Amino acid sequence: MLPNDNLQGADFIANHIDGIASLKVHLRGRLTINKQYVGKNFYVAFRYEDCTYLYPHDELMSFIFKALPNTEKTKSWLMEGDYHWPNPMPKKLEQELAKYKL
């Protein structure tokens, strides 16, 4: 379903077959965290090495800040409010991201 203006910038809405549950999904080209997504119950989807990942933004962001604490101190995060990882993905995140592989 294509979102309307009140969904805070989601690229699409994934509706469960039960007709009740839904996910607001933002599509990205790589693993990304963004201050604009915090507290909005967003999921982020991206592809990496022929796999698709779909993760709850705030949950994974919390893990990232614990596993890679310097992320919060980068110029990109502090000034832009956005941080993403080029390929290859950091080893510390691979195991955690495996939970979100589709």
PDB file of N, CA and C in Angstrom:
ATOM      1  N   MET A   1       0.844  -1.164   0.000  1.00  0.00           N
ATOM      2  CA  MET A   1       0.000   0.000   0.000  1.00  0.00           C
ATOM      3  C   MET A   1       0.896   1.235   0.000  1.00  0.00           C
ATOM      4  N   LEU A   2       0.603   2.196  -0.848  1.00  0.00           N
ATOM      5  CA  LEU A   2       1.362   3.434  -0.846  1.00  0.00           C
ATOM      6  C   LEU A   2       0.886   4.311   0.306  1.00  0.00           C
ATOM      7  N   PRO A   3       1.815   4.913   1.039  1.00  0.00           N
ATOM      8  CA  PRO A   3       1.446   5.699   2.214  1.00  0.00           C
ATOM      9  C   PRO A   3       0.857   7.057   1.842  1.00  0.00           C
ATOM     10  N   ASN A   4       0.067   7.595   2.755  1.00  0.00           N
ATOM     11  CA  ASN A   4      -0.392   8.961   2.595  1.00  0.00           C
ATOM     12  C   ASN A   4       0.498   9.875   3.442  1.00  0.00           C
ATOM     13  N   ASP A   5       0.215  11.136   3.481  1.00  0.00           N
ATOM     14  CA  ASP A   5       1.091  12.112   4.124  1.00  0.00           C
ATOM     15  C   ASP A   5       1.283  11.917   5.624  1.00  0.00           C
ATOM     16  N   ASN A   6       0.392  11.225   6.304  1.00  0.00           N
ATOM     17  CA  ASN A   6       0.497  11.132   7.757  1.00  0.00           C
ATOM     18  C   ASN A   6       1.370   9.978   8.238  1.00  0.00           C
ATOM     19  N   LEU A   7       2.140   9.345   7.364  1.00  0.00           N
ATOM     20  CA  LEU A   7       2.960   8.207   7.780  1.00  0.00           C
ATOM     21  C   LEU A   7       4.436   8.553   7.896  1.00  0.00           C
ATOM     22  N   GLN A   8       4.765   9.828   8.038  1.00  0.00           N
ATOM     23  CA  GLN A   8       6.101  10.295   8.377  1.00  0.00           C
ATOM     24  C   GLN A   8       7.183   9.844   7.417  1.00  0.00           C
ATOM     25  N   GLY A   9       6.849   9.710   6.156  1.00  0.00           N
ATOM     26  CA  GLY A   9       7.876   9.430   5.166  1.00  0.00           C
ATOM     27  C   GLY A   9       8.124   7.980   4.830  1.00  0.00           C
ATOM     28  N   ALA A  10       7.262   7.073   5.239  1.00  0.00           N
ATOM     29  CA  ALA A  10       7.442   5.663   4.878  1.00  0.00           C
ATOM     30  C   ALA A  10       7.349   5.514   3.366  1.00  0.00           C
ATOM     31  N   ASP A  11       8.169   4.621   2.817  1.00  0.00           N
ATOM     32  CA  ASP A  11       8.105   4.346   1.386  1.00  0.00           C
ATOM     33  C   ASP A  11       6.916   3.459   1.042  1.00  0.00           C
ATOM     34  N   PHE A  12       6.572   2.548   1.951  1.00  0.00           N
ATOM     35  CA  PHE A  12       5.377   1.737   1.743  1.00  0.00           C
ATOM     36  C   PHE A  12       4.933   1.145   3.074  1.00  0.00           C
ATOM     37  N   ILE A  13       3.715   0.638   3.067  1.00  0.00           N
ATOM     38  CA  ILE A  13       3.148  -0.009   4.234  1.00  0.00           C
ATOM     39  C   ILE A  13       3.003  -1.491   3.901  1.00  0.00           C
ATOM     40  N   ALA A  14       3.544  -2.350   4.752  1.00  0.00           N
ATOM     41  CA  ALA A  14       3.385  -3.796   4.591  1.00  0.00           C
ATOM     42  C   ALA A  14       2.247  -4.229   5.513  1.00  0.00           C
ATOM     43  N   ASN A  15       1.182  -4.717   4.930  1.00  0.00           N
ATOM     44  CA  ASN A  15       0.018  -5.159   5.705  1.00  0.00           C
ATOM     45  C   ASN A  15       0.030  -6.666   5.866  1.00  0.00           C
ATOM     46  N   HIS A  16      -0.212  -7.105   7.091  1.00  0.00           N
ATOM     47  CA  HIS A  16      -0.312  -8.535   7.376  1.00  0.00           C
ATOM     48  C   HIS A  16      -1.628  -9.062   6.823  1.00  0.00           C
ATOM     49  N   ILE A  17      -1.654 -10.340   6.530  1.00  0.00           N
ATOM     50  CA  ILE A  17      -2.857 -10.969   5.996  1.00  0.00           C
ATOM     51  C   ILE A  17      -4.027 -10.875   6.983  1.00  0.00           C
ATOM     52  N   ASP A  18      -3.729 -10.689   8.283  1.00  0.00           N
ATOM     53  CA  ASP A  18      -4.802 -10.584   9.273  1.00  0.00           C
ATOM     54  C   ASP A  18      -5.585  -9.269   9.149  1.00  0.00           C
ATOM     55  N   GLY A  19      -5.075  -8.343   8.350  1.00  0.00           N
ATOM     56  CA  GLY A  19      -5.762  -7.070   8.140  1.00  0.00           C
ATOM     57  C   GLY A  19      -5.599  -6.084   9.275  1.00  0.00           C
ATOM     58  N   ILE A  20      -4.852  -6.460  10.306  1.00  0.00           N
ATOM     59  CA  ILE A  20      -4.674  -5.582  11.470  1.00  0.00           C
ATOM     60  C   ILE A  20      -3.239  -5.067  11.547  1.00  0.00           C
ATOM     61  N   ALA A  21      -2.288  -5.980  11.564  1.00  0.00           N
ATOM     62  CA  ALA A  21      -0.878  -5.612  11.715  1.00  0.00           C
ATOM     63  C   ALA A  21      -0.338  -4.992  10.427  1.00  0.00           C
ATOM     64  N   SER A  22       0.506  -3.980  10.599  1.00  0.00           N
ATOM     65  CA  SER A  22       1.162  -3.367   9.442  1.00  0.00           C
ATOM     66  C   SER A  22       2.508  -2.802   9.872  1.00  0.00           C
ATOM     67  N   LEU A  23       3.410  -2.664   8.908  1.00  0.00           N
ATOM     68  CA  LEU A  23       4.741  -2.114   9.150  1.00  0.00           C
ATOM     69  C   LEU A  23       4.956  -0.922   8.230  1.00  0.00           C
ATOM     70  N   LYS A  24       5.488   0.167   8.786  1.00  0.00           N
ATOM     71  CA  LYS A  24       5.900   1.303   7.971  1.00  0.00           C
ATOM     72  C   LYS A  24       7.347   1.039   7.569  1.00  0.00           C
ATOM     73  N   VAL A  25       7.592   0.937   6.274  1.00  0.00           N
ATOM     74  CA  VAL A  25       8.906   0.521   5.787  1.00  0.00           C
ATOM     75  C   VAL A  25       9.558   1.631   4.974  1.00  0.00           C
ATOM     76  N   HIS A  26      10.831   1.845   5.259  1.00  0.00           N
ATOM     77  CA  HIS A  26      11.639   2.782   4.486  1.00  0.00           C
ATOM     78  C   HIS A  26      12.691   1.966   3.741  1.00  0.00           C
ATOM     79  N   LEU A  27      12.796   2.163   2.441  1.00  0.00           N
ATOM     80  CA  LEU A  27      13.755   1.430   1.616  1.00  0.00           C
ATOM     81  C   LEU A  27      15.073   2.184   1.572  1.00  0.00           C
ATOM     82  N   ARG A  28      16.162   1.469   1.773  1.00  0.00           N
ATOM     83  CA  ARG A  28      17.500   2.061   1.714  1.00  0.00           C
ATOM     84  C   ARG A  28      18.395   1.163   0.866  1.00  0.00           C
ATOM     85  N   GLY A  29      19.473   1.716   0.392  1.00  0.00           N
ATOM     86  CA  GLY A  29      20.421   0.957  -0.415  1.00  0.00           C
ATOM     87  C   GLY A  29      21.445   0.207   0.403  1.00  0.00           C
ATOM     88  N   ARG A  30      21.496   0.486   1.686  1.00  0.00           N
ATOM     89  CA  ARG A  30      22.461  -0.162   2.581  1.00  0.00           C
ATOM     90  C   ARG A  30      21.989  -0.018   4.024  1.00  0.00           C
ATOM     91  N   LEU A  31      22.676  -0.683   4.935  1.00  0.00           N
ATOM     92  CA  LEU A  31      22.367  -0.590   6.358  1.00  0.00           C
ATOM     93  C   LEU A  31      22.456   0.866   6.786  1.00  0.00           C
ATOM     94  N   THR A  32      21.373   1.383   7.373  1.00  0.00           N
ATOM     95  CA  THR A  32      21.272   2.805   7.688  1.00  0.00           C
ATOM     96  C   THR A  32      20.571   3.016   9.016  1.00  0.00           C
ATOM     97  N   ILE A  33      21.018   4.023   9.775  1.00  0.00           N
ATOM     98  CA  ILE A  33      20.260   4.536  10.908  1.00  0.00           C
ATOM     99  C   ILE A  33      20.091   6.033  10.676  1.00  0.00           C
ATOM    100  N   ASN A  34      18.967   6.582  11.136  1.00  0.00           N
ATOM    101  CA  ASN A  34      18.675   7.973  10.864  1.00  0.00           C
ATOM    102  C   ASN A  34      17.860   8.554  12.012  1.00  0.00           C
ATOM    103  N   LYS A  35      18.236   9.734  12.477  1.00  0.00           N
ATOM    104  CA  LYS A  35      17.523  10.376  13.584  1.00  0.00           C
ATOM    105  C   LYS A  35      16.070  10.654  13.233  1.00  0.00           C
ATOM    106  N   GLN A  36      15.763  10.851  11.969  1.00  0.00           N
ATOM    107  CA  GLN A  36      14.381  11.116  11.557  1.00  0.00           C
ATOM    108  C   GLN A  36      13.465   9.913  11.781  1.00  0.00           C
ATOM    109  N   TYR A  37      14.024   8.718  11.880  1.00  0.00           N
ATOM    110  CA  TYR A  37      13.225   7.513  12.052  1.00  0.00           C
ATOM    111  C   TYR A  37      12.957   7.177  13.521  1.00  0.00           C
ATOM    112  N   VAL A  38      13.696   7.788  14.434  1.00  0.00           N
ATOM    113  CA  VAL A  38      13.634   7.427  15.847  1.00  0.00           C
ATOM    114  C   VAL A  38      12.229   7.700  16.414  1.00  0.00           C
ATOM    115  N   GLY A  39      11.712   6.702  17.111  1.00  0.00           N
ATOM    116  CA  GLY A  39      10.422   6.821  17.772  1.00  0.00           C
ATOM    117  C   GLY A  39       9.215   6.765  16.857  1.00  0.00           C
ATOM    118  N   LYS A  40       9.396   6.437  15.593  1.00  0.00           N
ATOM    119  CA  LYS A  40       8.288   6.419  14.638  1.00  0.00           C
ATOM    120  C   LYS A  40       7.872   5.010  14.228  1.00  0.00           C
ATOM    121  N   ASN A  41       8.428   4.016  14.901  1.00  0.00           N
ATOM    122  CA  ASN A  41       8.083   2.616  14.633  1.00  0.00           C
ATOM    123  C   ASN A  41       8.338   2.233  13.175  1.00  0.00           C
ATOM    124  N   PHE A  42       9.442   2.714  12.622  1.00  0.00           N
ATOM    125  CA  PHE A  42       9.826   2.391  11.252  1.00  0.00           C
ATOM    126  C   PHE A  42      10.594   1.077  11.197  1.00  0.00           C
ATOM    127  N   TYR A  43      10.443   0.412  10.083  1.00  0.00           N
ATOM    128  CA  TYR A  43      11.305  -0.693   9.701  1.00  0.00           C
ATOM    129  C   TYR A  43      12.101  -0.217   8.499  1.00  0.00           C
ATOM    130  N   VAL A  44      13.303  -0.745   8.339  1.00  0.00           N
ATOM    131  CA  VAL A  44      14.149  -0.384   7.206  1.00  0.00           C
ATOM    132  C   VAL A  44      14.466  -1.661   6.442  1.00  0.00           C
ATOM    133  N   ALA A  45      14.349  -1.581   5.123  1.00  0.00           N
ATOM    134  CA  ALA A  45      14.664  -2.718   4.258  1.00  0.00           C
ATOM    135  C   ALA A  45      15.827  -2.338   3.352  1.00  0.00           C
ATOM    136  N   PHE A  46      16.771  -3.287   3.177  1.00  0.00           N
ATOM    137  CA  PHE A  46      17.875  -3.089   2.242  1.00  0.00           C
ATOM    138  C   PHE A  46      18.368  -4.445   1.772  1.00  0.00           C
ATOM    139  N   ARG A  47      19.085  -4.431   0.658  1.00  0.00           N
ATOM    140  CA  ARG A  47      19.675  -5.668   0.116  1.00  0.00           C
ATOM    141  C   ARG A  47      21.182  -5.625   0.300  1.00  0.00           C
ATOM    142  N   TYR A  48      21.742  -6.813   0.589  1.00  0.00           N
ATOM    143  CA  TYR A  48      23.188  -6.954   0.734  1.00  0.00           C
ATOM    144  C   TYR A  48      23.550  -8.374   0.353  1.00  0.00           C
ATOM    145  N   GLU A  49      24.477  -8.519  -0.574  1.00  0.00           N
ATOM    146  CA  GLU A  49      24.943  -9.838  -1.027  1.00  0.00           C
ATOM    147  C   GLU A  49      23.785 -10.797  -1.312  1.00  0.00           C
ATOM    148  N   ASP A  50      22.889 -10.405  -2.179  1.00  0.00           N
ATOM    149  CA  ASP A  50      21.762 -11.228  -2.613  1.00  0.00           C
ATOM    150  C   ASP A  50      20.794 -11.608  -1.499  1.00  0.00           C
ATOM    151  N   CYS A  51      20.824 -10.892  -0.392  1.00  0.00           N
ATOM    152  CA  CYS A  51      19.875 -11.115   0.694  1.00  0.00           C
ATOM    153  C   CYS A  51      19.135  -9.809   0.969  1.00  0.00           C
ATOM    154  N   THR A  52      17.895  -9.954   1.404  1.00  0.00           N
ATOM    155  CA  THR A  52      17.114  -8.791   1.809  1.00  0.00           C
ATOM    156  C   THR A  52      16.970  -8.819   3.319  1.00  0.00           C
ATOM    157  N   TYR A  53      17.157  -7.671   3.933  1.00  0.00           N
ATOM    158  CA  TYR A  53      17.020  -7.516   5.376  1.00  0.00           C
ATOM    159  C   TYR A  53      15.885  -6.547   5.662  1.00  0.00           C
ATOM    160  N   LEU A  54      15.137  -6.803   6.724  1.00  0.00           N
ATOM    161  CA  LEU A  54      14.075  -5.928   7.181  1.00  0.00           C
ATOM    162  C   LEU A  54      14.207  -5.848   8.689  1.00  0.00           C
ATOM    163  N   TYR A  55      14.613  -4.680   9.190  1.00  0.00           N
ATOM    164  CA  TYR A  55      14.871  -4.561  10.623  1.00  0.00           C
ATOM    165  C   TYR A  55      14.106  -3.412  11.250  1.00  0.00           C
ATOM    166  N   PRO A  56      13.743  -3.571  12.536  1.00  0.00           N
ATOM    167  CA  PRO A  56      13.118  -2.471  13.267  1.00  0.00           C
ATOM    168  C   PRO A  56      14.210  -1.432  13.579  1.00  0.00           C
ATOM    169  N   HIS A  57      14.040  -0.241  13.069  1.00  0.00           N
ATOM    170  CA  HIS A  57      15.085   0.777  13.134  1.00  0.00           C
ATOM    171  C   HIS A  57      15.590   1.021  14.555  1.00  0.00           C
ATOM    172  N   ASP A  58      14.695   1.349  15.474  1.00  0.00           N
ATOM    173  CA  ASP A  58      15.134   1.745  16.814  1.00  0.00           C
ATOM    174  C   ASP A  58      15.811   0.603  17.570  1.00  0.00           C
ATOM    175  N   GLU A  59      15.308  -0.603  17.376  1.00  0.00           N
ATOM    176  CA  GLU A  59      15.907  -1.775  18.036  1.00  0.00           C
ATOM    177  C   GLU A  59      17.335  -2.006  17.554  1.00  0.00           C
ATOM    178  N   LEU A  60      17.529  -1.984  16.239  1.00  0.00           N
ATOM    179  CA  LEU A  60      18.877  -2.205  15.710  1.00  0.00           C
ATOM    180  C   LEU A  60      19.793  -1.030  16.023  1.00  0.00           C
ATOM    181  N   MET A  61      19.261   0.188  16.012  1.00  0.00           N
ATOM    182  CA  MET A  61      20.068   1.363  16.353  1.00  0.00           C
ATOM    183  C   MET A  61      20.630   1.231  17.775  1.00  0.00           C
ATOM    184  N   SER A  62      19.811   0.794  18.713  1.00  0.00           N
ATOM    185  CA  SER A  62      20.278   0.592  20.091  1.00  0.00           C
ATOM    186  C   SER A  62      21.399  -0.435  20.147  1.00  0.00           C
ATOM    187  N   PHE A  63      21.239  -1.526  19.407  1.00  0.00           N
ATOM    188  CA  PHE A  63      22.298  -2.542  19.358  1.00  0.00           C
ATOM    189  C   PHE A  63      23.579  -1.946  18.779  1.00  0.00           C
ATOM    190  N   ILE A  64      23.452  -1.195  17.698  1.00  0.00           N
ATOM    191  CA  ILE A  64      24.620  -0.599  17.038  1.00  0.00           C
ATOM    192  C   ILE A  64      25.371   0.326  17.985  1.00  0.00           C
ATOM    193  N   PHE A  65      24.650   1.144  18.723  1.00  0.00           N
ATOM    194  CA  PHE A  65      25.309   2.084  19.633  1.00  0.00           C
ATOM    195  C   PHE A  65      26.046   1.364  20.766  1.00  0.00           C
ATOM    196  N   LYS A  66      25.595   0.171  21.125  1.00  0.00           N
ATOM    197  CA  LYS A  66      26.310  -0.627  22.131  1.00  0.00           C
ATOM    198  C   LYS A  66      27.509  -1.343  21.517  1.00  0.00           C
ATOM    199  N   ALA A  67      27.306  -1.933  20.343  1.00  0.00           N
ATOM    200  CA  ALA A  67      28.364  -2.723  19.695  1.00  0.00           C
ATOM    201  C   ALA A  67      29.440  -1.845  19.054  1.00  0.00           C
ATOM    202  N   LEU A  68      29.036  -0.701  18.526  1.00  0.00           N
ATOM    203  CA  LEU A  68      29.950   0.221  17.837  1.00  0.00           C
ATOM    204  C   LEU A  68      29.734   1.637  18.390  1.00  0.00           C
ATOM    205  N   PRO A  69      30.165   1.888  19.635  1.00  0.00           N
ATOM    206  CA  PRO A  69      29.847   3.162  20.294  1.00  0.00           C
ATOM    207  C   PRO A  69      30.371   4.406  19.578  1.00  0.00           C
ATOM    208  N   ASN A  70      31.384   4.282  18.767  1.00  0.00           N
ATOM    209  CA  ASN A  70      31.898   5.455  18.059  1.00  0.00           C
ATOM    210  C   ASN A  70      30.933   5.964  16.995  1.00  0.00           C
ATOM    211  N   THR A  71      29.941   5.162  16.627  1.00  0.00           N
ATOM    212  CA  THR A  71      28.956   5.583  15.638  1.00  0.00           C
ATOM    213  C   THR A  71      28.260   6.864  16.082  1.00  0.00           C
ATOM    214  N   GLU A  72      27.932   6.948  17.356  1.00  0.00           N
ATOM    215  CA  GLU A  72      27.239   8.130  17.889  1.00  0.00           C
ATOM    216  C   GLU A  72      28.106   9.384  17.870  1.00  0.00           C
ATOM    217  N   LYS A  73      29.406   9.211  17.726  1.00  0.00           N
ATOM    218  CA  LYS A  73      30.333  10.339  17.782  1.00  0.00           C
ATOM    219  C   LYS A  73      30.792  10.813  16.412  1.00  0.00           C
ATOM    220  N   THR A  74      30.309  10.167  15.349  1.00  0.00           N
ATOM    221  CA  THR A  74      30.756  10.542  14.013  1.00  0.00           C
ATOM    222  C   THR A  74      30.137  11.866  13.581  1.00  0.00           C
ATOM    223  N   LYS A  75      30.832  12.552  12.713  1.00  0.00           N
ATOM    224  CA  LYS A  75      30.328  13.810  12.169  1.00  0.00           C
ATOM    225  C   LYS A  75      29.005  13.577  11.445  1.00  0.00           C
ATOM    226  N   SER A  76      28.919  12.477  10.715  1.00  0.00           N
ATOM    227  CA  SER A  76      27.713  12.153   9.974  1.00  0.00           C
ATOM    228  C   SER A  76      26.500  12.061  10.905  1.00  0.00           C
ATOM    229  N   TRP A  77      26.651  11.360  12.030  1.00  0.00           N
ATOM    230  CA  TRP A  77      25.535  11.206  12.960  1.00  0.00           C
ATOM    231  C   TRP A  77      25.240  12.516  13.681  1.00  0.00           C
ATOM    232  N   LEU A  78      26.267  13.183  14.168  1.00  0.00           N
ATOM    233  CA  LEU A  78      26.060  14.407  14.939  1.00  0.00           C
ATOM    234  C   LEU A  78      25.537  15.567  14.098  1.00  0.00           C
ATOM    235  N   MET A  79      26.072  15.738  12.899  1.00  0.00           N
ATOM    236  CA  MET A  79      25.706  16.890  12.074  1.00  0.00           C
ATOM    237  C   MET A  79      24.546  16.596  11.117  1.00  0.00           C
ATOM    238  N   GLU A  80      24.549  15.413  10.536  1.00  0.00           N
ATOM    239  CA  GLU A  80      23.550  15.071   9.519  1.00  0.00           C
ATOM    240  C   GLU A  80      22.378  14.272  10.106  1.00  0.00           C
ATOM    241  N   GLY A  81      22.627  13.583  11.222  1.00  0.00           N
ATOM    242  CA  GLY A  81      21.590  12.743  11.811  1.00  0.00           C
ATOM    243  C   GLY A  81      21.379  11.447  11.059  1.00  0.00           C
ATOM    244  N   ASP A  82      22.399  11.022  10.325  1.00  0.00           N
ATOM    245  CA  ASP A  82      22.282   9.850   9.473  1.00  0.00           C
ATOM    246  C   ASP A  82      23.624   9.117   9.479  1.00  0.00           C
ATOM    247  N   TYR A  83      23.570   7.793   9.478  1.00  0.00           N
ATOM    248  CA  TYR A  83      24.799   7.018   9.370  1.00  0.00           C
ATOM    249  C   TYR A  83      24.485   5.745   8.597  1.00  0.00           C
ATOM    250  N   HIS A  84      25.348   5.403   7.655  1.00  0.00           N
ATOM    251  CA  HIS A  84      25.181   4.169   6.895  1.00  0.00           C
ATOM    252  C   HIS A  84      26.540   3.544   6.663  1.00  0.00           C
ATOM    253  N   TRP A  85      26.500   2.241   6.388  1.00  0.00           N
ATOM    254  CA  TRP A  85      27.725   1.473   6.227  1.00  0.00           C
ATOM    255  C   TRP A  85      27.917   1.089   4.771  1.00  0.00           C
ATOM    256  N   PRO A  86      29.099   1.350   4.252  1.00  0.00           N
ATOM    257  CA  PRO A  86      29.400   0.843   2.912  1.00  0.00           C
ATOM    258  C   PRO A  86      29.652  -0.660   3.003  1.00  0.00           C
ATOM    259  N   ASN A  87      29.674  -1.308   1.887  1.00  0.00           N
ATOM    260  CA  ASN A  87      30.010  -2.731   1.881  1.00  0.00           C
ATOM    261  C   ASN A  87      31.514  -2.871   1.993  1.00  0.00           C
ATOM    262  N   PRO A  88      32.056  -3.855   2.659  1.00  0.00           N
ATOM    263  CA  PRO A  88      31.317  -4.890   3.371  1.00  0.00           C
ATOM    264  C   PRO A  88      30.792  -4.390   4.714  1.00  0.00           C
ATOM    265  N   MET A  89      29.832  -5.093   5.224  1.00  0.00           N
ATOM    266  CA  MET A  89      29.220  -4.760   6.495  1.00  0.00           C
ATOM    267  C   MET A  89      30.185  -5.076   7.645  1.00  0.00           C
ATOM    268  N   PRO A  90      30.174  -4.287   8.714  1.00  0.00           N
ATOM    269  CA  PRO A  90      31.045  -4.588   9.859  1.00  0.00           C
ATOM    270  C   PRO A  90      30.745  -5.971  10.448  1.00  0.00           C
ATOM    271  N   LYS A  91      31.789  -6.704  10.765  1.00  0.00           N
ATOM    272  CA  LYS A  91      31.636  -8.065  11.315  1.00  0.00           C
ATOM    273  C   LYS A  91      30.791  -8.078  12.578  1.00  0.00           C
ATOM    274  N   LYS A  92      30.914  -7.031  13.409  1.00  0.00           N
ATOM    275  CA  LYS A  92      30.161  -6.979  14.664  1.00  0.00           C
ATOM    276  C   LYS A  92      28.652  -6.924  14.433  1.00  0.00           C
ATOM    277  N   LEU A  93      28.228  -6.553  13.235  1.00  0.00           N
ATOM    278  CA  LEU A  93      26.797  -6.437  12.954  1.00  0.00           C
ATOM    279  C   LEU A  93      26.231  -7.632  12.194  1.00  0.00           C
ATOM    280  N   GLU A  94      27.087  -8.421  11.575  1.00  0.00           N
ATOM    281  CA  GLU A  94      26.604  -9.521  10.740  1.00  0.00           C
ATOM    282  C   GLU A  94      25.714 -10.499  11.496  1.00  0.00           C
ATOM    283  N   GLN A  95      26.137 -10.915  12.684  1.00  0.00           N
ATOM    284  CA  GLN A  95      25.363 -11.888  13.441  1.00  0.00           C
ATOM    285  C   GLN A  95      24.016 -11.306  13.871  1.00  0.00           C
ATOM    286  N   GLU A  96      24.012 -10.073  14.320  1.00  0.00           N
ATOM    287  CA  GLU A  96      22.762  -9.438  14.730  1.00  0.00           C
ATOM    288  C   GLU A  96      21.818  -9.285  13.541  1.00  0.00           C
ATOM    289  N   LEU A  97      22.346  -8.877  12.407  1.00  0.00           N
ATOM    290  CA  LEU A  97      21.511  -8.687  11.220  1.00  0.00           C
ATOM    291  C   LEU A  97      20.943  -9.995  10.684  1.00  0.00           C
ATOM    292  N   ALA A  98      21.578 -11.097  10.977  1.00  0.00           N
ATOM    293  CA  ALA A  98      21.084 -12.396  10.511  1.00  0.00           C
ATOM    294  C   ALA A  98      19.644 -12.637  10.988  1.00  0.00           C
ATOM    295  N   LYS A  99      19.282 -12.062  12.120  1.00  0.00           N
ATOM    296  CA  LYS A  99      17.921 -12.207  12.642  1.00  0.00           C
ATOM    297  C   LYS A  99      16.887 -11.551  11.741  1.00  0.00           C
ATOM    298  N   TYR A 100      17.326 -10.609  10.929  1.00  0.00           N
ATOM    299  CA  TYR A 100      16.406  -9.819  10.108  1.00  0.00           C
ATOM    300  C   TYR A 100      16.468 -10.177   8.631  1.00  0.00           C
ATOM    301  N   LYS A 101      17.139 -11.274   8.318  1.00  0.00           N
ATOM    302  CA  LYS A 101      17.252 -11.713   6.932  1.00  0.00           C
ATOM    303  C   LYS A 101      15.926 -12.345   6.500  1.00  0.00           C
ATOM    304  N   LEU A 102      15.447 -11.935   5.343  1.00  0.00           N
ATOM    305  CA  LEU A 102      14.192 -12.494   4.832  1.00  0.00           C
ATOM    306  C   LEU A 102      14.463 -13.701   3.954  1.00  0.00           C
TER     307      LEU A 102
END
